[in-house]
Every structure is written in structure tokens, then in C-alpha cells.
C-alpha atoms as a PDB file:
ATOM      1  CA  UNK A   1      -5.559 -49.689   0.172  1.00  0.00           C
ATOM      2  CA  UNK A   2      -5.303 -51.081  -3.416  1.00  0.00           C
ATOM      3  CA  UNK A   3      -7.673 -50.562  -6.311  1.00  0.00           C
ATOM      4  CA  UNK A   4      -9.787 -53.735  -5.516  1.00  0.00           C
ATOM      5  CA  UNK A   5     -10.215 -52.570  -1.788  1.00  0.00           C
ATOM      6  CA  UNK A   6     -10.975 -49.008  -3.002  1.00  0.00           C
ATOM      7  CA  UNK A   7     -13.632 -50.326  -5.421  1.00  0.00           C
ATOM      8  CA  UNK A   8     -15.275 -52.159  -2.550  1.00  0.00           C
ATOM      9  CA  UNK A   9     -15.083 -49.129  -0.153  1.00  0.00           C
ATOM     10  CA  UNK A  10     -16.567 -46.662  -2.665  1.00  0.00           C
ATOM     11  CA  UNK A  11     -19.692 -48.668  -2.897  1.00  0.00           C
ATOM     12  CA  UNK A  12     -20.275 -48.185   0.847  1.00  0.00           C
ATOM     13  CA  UNK A  13     -20.160 -44.311   0.638  1.00  0.00           C
ATOM     14  CA  UNK A  14     -23.851 -43.900  -0.311  1.00  0.00           C
ATOM     15  CA  UNK A  15     -24.838 -46.080   2.600  1.00  0.00           C
ATOM     16  CA  UNK A  16     -22.757 -43.841   4.937  1.00  0.00           C
ATOM     17  CA  UNK A  17     -24.308 -40.775   3.439  1.00  0.00           C
ATOM     18  CA  UNK A  18     -27.792 -42.062   4.290  1.00  0.00           C
ATOM     19  CA  UNK A  19     -26.952 -41.738   7.921  1.00  0.00           C
ATOM     20  CA  UNK A  20     -27.535 -38.021   7.542  1.00  0.00           C
ATOM     21  CA  UNK A  21     -24.339 -36.310   8.663  1.00  0.00           C
ATOM     22  CA  UNK A  22     -23.858 -32.639   8.694  1.00  0.00           C
ATOM     23  CA  UNK A  23     -22.643 -30.686   5.621  1.00  0.00           C
ATOM     24  CA  UNK A  24     -18.991 -30.968   6.567  1.00  0.00           C
ATOM     25  CA  UNK A  25     -19.309 -34.835   6.925  1.00  0.00           C
ATOM     26  CA  UNK A  26     -21.126 -35.218   3.697  1.00  0.00           C
ATOM     27  CA  UNK A  27     -18.397 -33.123   1.923  1.00  0.00           C
ATOM     28  CA  UNK A  28     -15.787 -35.316   3.302  1.00  0.00           C
ATOM     29  CA  UNK A  29     -17.586 -38.352   2.183  1.00  0.00           C
ATOM     30  CA  UNK A  30     -17.723 -36.860  -1.271  1.00  0.00           C
ATOM     31  CA  UNK A  31     -14.036 -36.220  -1.297  1.00  0.00           C
ATOM     32  CA  UNK A  32     -13.348 -39.659  -0.088  1.00  0.00           C
ATOM     33  CA  UNK A  33     -15.607 -41.196  -2.744  1.00  0.00           C
ATOM     34  CA  UNK A  34     -13.731 -39.167  -5.468  1.00  0.00           C
ATOM     35  CA  UNK A  35     -10.335 -40.438  -4.223  1.00  0.00           C
ATOM     36  CA  UNK A  36     -11.469 -43.958  -3.916  1.00  0.00           C
ATOM     37  CA  UNK A  37     -12.956 -43.790  -7.321  1.00  0.00           C
ATOM     38  CA  UNK A  38      -9.766 -42.444  -8.881  1.00  0.00           C
ATOM     39  CA  UNK A  39      -7.801 -45.311  -7.092  1.00  0.00           C
ATOM     40  CA  UNK A  40     -10.248 -47.959  -8.216  1.00  0.00           C
ATOM     41  CA  UNK A  41     -10.010 -46.732 -11.748  1.00  0.00           C
ATOM     42  CA  UNK A  42      -6.251 -46.926 -11.959  1.00  0.00           C
ATOM     43  CA  UNK A  43      -4.791 -50.429 -11.932  1.00  0.00           C
ATOM     44  CA  UNK A  44      -1.754 -50.884  -9.662  1.00  0.00           C
ATOM     45  CA  UNK A  45      -2.549 -47.726  -7.653  1.00  0.00           C
ATOM     46  CA  UNK A  46      -2.847 -47.408  -3.872  1.00  0.00           C
ATOM     47  CA  UNK A  47      -4.580 -44.937  -1.546  1.00  0.00           C
ATOM     48  CA  UNK A  48      -2.638 -44.257   1.618  1.00  0.00           C
ATOM     49  CA  UNK A  49      -3.907 -42.604   4.663  1.00  0.00           C
ATOM     50  CA  UNK A  50      -1.720 -40.820   7.153  1.00  0.00           C
ATOM     51  CA  UNK A  51      -2.442 -40.592  10.899  1.00  0.00           C
ATOM     52  CA  UNK A  52      -5.100 -42.382  12.910  1.00  0.00           C
END
């Protein structure tokens, strides 16, 4: 995902957190938001996910 896609995805994190996951899920969403934010703030960057 490039920085434009990451910027769009990071805006969806708060909506996902409103669905009231458990602490582990909320921590994972916080980590994801941090990574997406770093990608969005760095022109020319990509965030790659391994596996399915």
C-alpha cells in the first residue's frame, strides 16, 4: 500500500475501534495505525503485508 492508500486506511482505524474489540485487537489496531501513519507521512513509501 502506498502513502495515499495508507492515509485513507488510517482514517478508518477509529471506526474499527468503535466496534469494541478486546484489548489485543485494540492494541493491534493501534500498531496498525502507527505504521499507516508513518507510511502516509513519508512520500514514496510503501507498507507491505506478508501472508494472508
